[in-house]
Each structure stands twice: as C-alpha cells, then as structure tokens.
N, C-alpha and C. Protein backbone atom coordinates (compact mmCIF):
# COMPACT_ATOMS: atom_id res chain seq x y z
N MET A 1 -1.19 -4.65 14.60
CA MET A 1 -1.42 -3.49 14.27
C MET A 1 -1.80 -4.03 12.63
N PRO A 2 -2.78 -2.95 12.69
CA PRO A 2 -3.23 -2.64 11.06
C PRO A 2 -2.27 -2.27 10.44
N GLN A 3 -2.20 -2.53 8.84
CA GLN A 3 -1.72 -2.10 7.99
C GLN A 3 -2.46 -2.27 7.06
N LYS A 4 -2.33 -0.43 6.41
CA LYS A 4 -3.01 0.35 5.57
C LYS A 4 -2.12 0.81 4.48
N VAL A 5 -2.32 0.27 3.15
CA VAL A 5 -1.32 0.53 1.80
C VAL A 5 -1.96 1.58 1.18
N ILE A 6 -1.59 2.91 0.64
CA ILE A 6 -2.54 3.19 0.03
C ILE A 6 -2.12 4.00 -1.20
N CYS A 7 -2.31 4.22 -2.03
CA CYS A 7 -2.03 4.81 -3.70
C CYS A 7 -1.52 5.78 -3.05
N LYS A 8 0.56 6.50 -3.38
CA LYS A 8 0.48 7.76 -3.02
C LYS A 8 -0.03 8.90 -4.27
N ASP A 9 -0.46 8.76 -5.27
CA ASP A 9 -0.85 9.42 -6.39
C ASP A 9 -2.37 9.42 -6.15
N CYS A 10 -3.36 8.49 -5.99
CA CYS A 10 -4.67 8.76 -6.45
C CYS A 10 -5.93 8.61 -4.69
N GLY A 11 -5.13 7.80 -3.81
CA GLY A 11 -5.32 7.57 -2.60
C GLY A 11 -5.89 6.13 -2.70
N GLU A 12 -6.27 5.10 -3.55
CA GLU A 12 -6.66 4.44 -3.54
C GLU A 12 -6.14 3.61 -2.05
N ILE A 13 -7.11 2.82 -1.44
CA ILE A 13 -6.19 2.05 -0.60
C ILE A 13 -6.61 0.63 -0.90
N LEU A 14 -4.99 0.15 -1.15
CA LEU A 14 -4.72 -0.98 -1.85
C LEU A 14 -5.02 -2.38 -0.60
N TYR A 15 -5.21 -1.96 0.82
CA TYR A 15 -4.97 -2.99 1.24
C TYR A 15 -5.21 -2.45 2.88
N SER A 16 -6.33 -2.89 3.41
CA SER A 16 -6.52 -2.55 4.62
C SER A 16 -6.97 -3.60 5.43
N ASP A 17 -5.77 -4.30 6.52
CA ASP A 17 -6.29 -5.32 7.28
C ASP A 17 -5.39 -5.52 8.36
N ILE A 18 -5.95 -6.50 9.46
CA ILE A 18 -4.88 -6.47 10.98
C ILE A 18 -3.93 -7.40 10.74
N ASP A 19 -3.95 -8.23 9.40
CA ASP A 19 -2.50 -9.05 9.08
C ASP A 19 -1.73 -8.30 8.11
N LEU A 20 -0.45 -8.42 8.31
CA LEU A 20 0.65 -7.79 7.78
C LEU A 20 0.85 -8.31 6.37
N LYS A 21 1.21 -7.98 5.49
CA LYS A 21 1.85 -8.36 3.91
C LYS A 21 2.84 -7.78 3.46
N PRO A 22 3.94 -8.19 2.94
CA PRO A 22 5.43 -7.70 2.86
C PRO A 22 4.96 -7.09 1.71
N PRO A 23 5.30 -5.67 1.27
CA PRO A 23 5.22 -4.75 0.41
C PRO A 23 5.66 -5.62 -1.51
N GLU A 24 6.02 -6.13 -1.34
CA GLU A 24 6.46 -6.84 -2.58
C GLU A 24 5.54 -7.78 -2.93
N GLU A 25 4.64 -8.44 -2.16
CA GLU A 25 4.13 -9.44 -2.49
C GLU A 25 2.38 -8.06 -2.53
N LEU A 26 2.06 -7.83 -2.10
CA LEU A 26 1.29 -6.58 -2.48
C LEU A 26 1.41 -5.84 -3.91
N ILE A 27 2.50 -5.79 -4.22
CA ILE A 27 2.70 -4.82 -5.87
C ILE A 27 2.18 -6.34 -6.70
N ARG A 28 2.77 -7.44 -6.04
CA ARG A 28 2.55 -8.37 -7.23
C ARG A 28 0.93 -8.84 -7.51
N ASN A 29 0.49 -8.90 -6.57
CA ASN A 29 -1.15 -8.88 -6.28
C ASN A 29 -1.99 -8.25 -7.54
N PHE A 30 -1.62 -6.75 -7.55
CA PHE A 30 -1.65 -5.56 -8.41
C PHE A 30 -0.95 -5.75 -9.69
N GLU A 31 -0.37 -6.94 -10.16
CA GLU A 31 0.26 -7.03 -11.15
C GLU A 31 1.54 -5.54 -11.45
N GLY A 32 1.74 -4.76 -10.11
CA GLY A 32 3.18 -3.42 -10.54
C GLY A 32 2.12 -2.34 -10.65
N LYS A 33 0.57 -2.29 -10.45
CA LYS A 33 -0.05 -0.96 -10.80
C LYS A 33 -1.42 -1.15 -10.21
N CYS A 34 -1.55 0.39 -9.83
CA CYS A 34 -2.36 1.05 -9.12
C CYS A 34 -3.89 0.77 -9.63
N PRO A 35 -5.09 -0.34 -9.35
CA PRO A 35 -6.26 -0.82 -10.06
C PRO A 35 -7.07 0.50 -10.49
N LYS A 36 -7.05 1.66 -9.92
CA LYS A 36 -7.50 2.89 -9.95
C LYS A 36 -6.84 3.96 -11.00
N CYS A 37 -5.81 4.30 -11.03
CA CYS A 37 -5.05 5.25 -11.56
C CYS A 37 -4.19 4.94 -12.55
N GLY A 38 -3.59 3.41 -12.59
CA GLY A 38 -2.44 2.65 -13.60
C GLY A 38 -1.12 2.84 -12.29
N LYS A 39 -1.25 4.13 -11.69
CA LYS A 39 0.30 4.18 -11.49
C LYS A 39 1.29 2.67 -11.02
N GLU A 40 2.26 3.02 -11.52
CA GLU A 40 3.29 2.08 -11.26
C GLU A 40 3.59 1.99 -10.04
N LEU A 41 3.29 0.78 -9.09
CA LEU A 41 3.75 0.43 -7.79
C LEU A 41 4.99 0.07 -7.61
N SER A 42 5.90 1.40 -6.51
CA SER A 42 6.42 0.60 -6.55
C SER A 42 6.91 0.42 -4.88
N TYR A 43 7.96 0.02 -4.29
CA TYR A 43 8.51 -0.20 -2.75
C TYR A 43 10.17 0.65 -2.38
N ASN A 44 9.96 1.84 -1.54
CA ASN A 44 10.95 2.26 -1.34
C ASN A 44 10.71 2.64 0.48
N PRO A 45 11.96 1.95 1.55
CA PRO A 45 11.68 2.01 2.81
C PRO A 45 11.89 3.63 2.78
N GLU A 46 12.20 4.34 2.50
CA GLU A 46 12.67 5.74 2.73
C GLU A 46 10.82 6.46 2.72
N ASN A 47 10.28 5.71 1.86
CA ASN A 47 8.58 6.27 1.34
C ASN A 47 7.50 5.84 2.67
N ILE A 48 7.74 5.30 3.75
CA ILE A 48 7.02 4.65 4.35
C ILE A 48 6.77 5.62 5.42
N GLU A 49 5.65 5.41 6.19
CA GLU A 49 5.01 6.73 6.78
C GLU A 49 4.34 5.61 8.10
N ILE A 50 4.45 5.37 9.33
CA ILE A 50 3.96 5.15 10.19
C ILE A 50 3.63 5.54 11.25
N ARG A 51 2.12 5.55 11.20
CA ARG A 51 1.30 6.47 12.10
C ARG A 51 0.33 5.53 13.13
N GLU A 52 0.01 5.97 14.45
CA GLU A 52 -0.90 5.62 15.42
C GLU A 52 -1.80 5.61 14.68
N LEU A 53 -2.56 4.56 15.16
CA LEU A 53 -4.09 4.75 14.29
C LEU A 53 -5.34 4.46 15.68
N TYR A 54 -5.81 5.56 15.56
CA TYR A 54 -6.84 5.55 16.88
C TYR A 54 -8.19 5.38 16.24
N GLU A 55 -8.91 4.19 16.89
CA GLU A 55 -10.53 3.90 15.71
C GLU A 55 -10.98 4.45 17.58
C-alpha cells in the first residue's frame, strides 16, 4: 500500500512511495519542519487519515 505524507498547512508532499516509513523518521529527515512553509511537524495518531488510492 503506498504512503503519502502531506503538510497539513501548505499541502506540500513530504513523502510519497510504496515503501512505508515511520512518521518519526520522516519528521527527523526534515529536522522537524516543513521545507516549504516552515510549520513544525508533529505526529498525532488521531490526525492520521487512511484512504483507498485509485490510480
């Protein structure tokens, strides 16, 4: 199942791949901030949205 991680504020795609990565690793890779808008990145399981992807 593909994974896509998007900044909640600006919509920047932070990660999109077939390989799943833990949210903490992605946050660490971006030094805790969105590279486009500078918003602090955080992980809250309640804010996760899972949808089927049709391509």
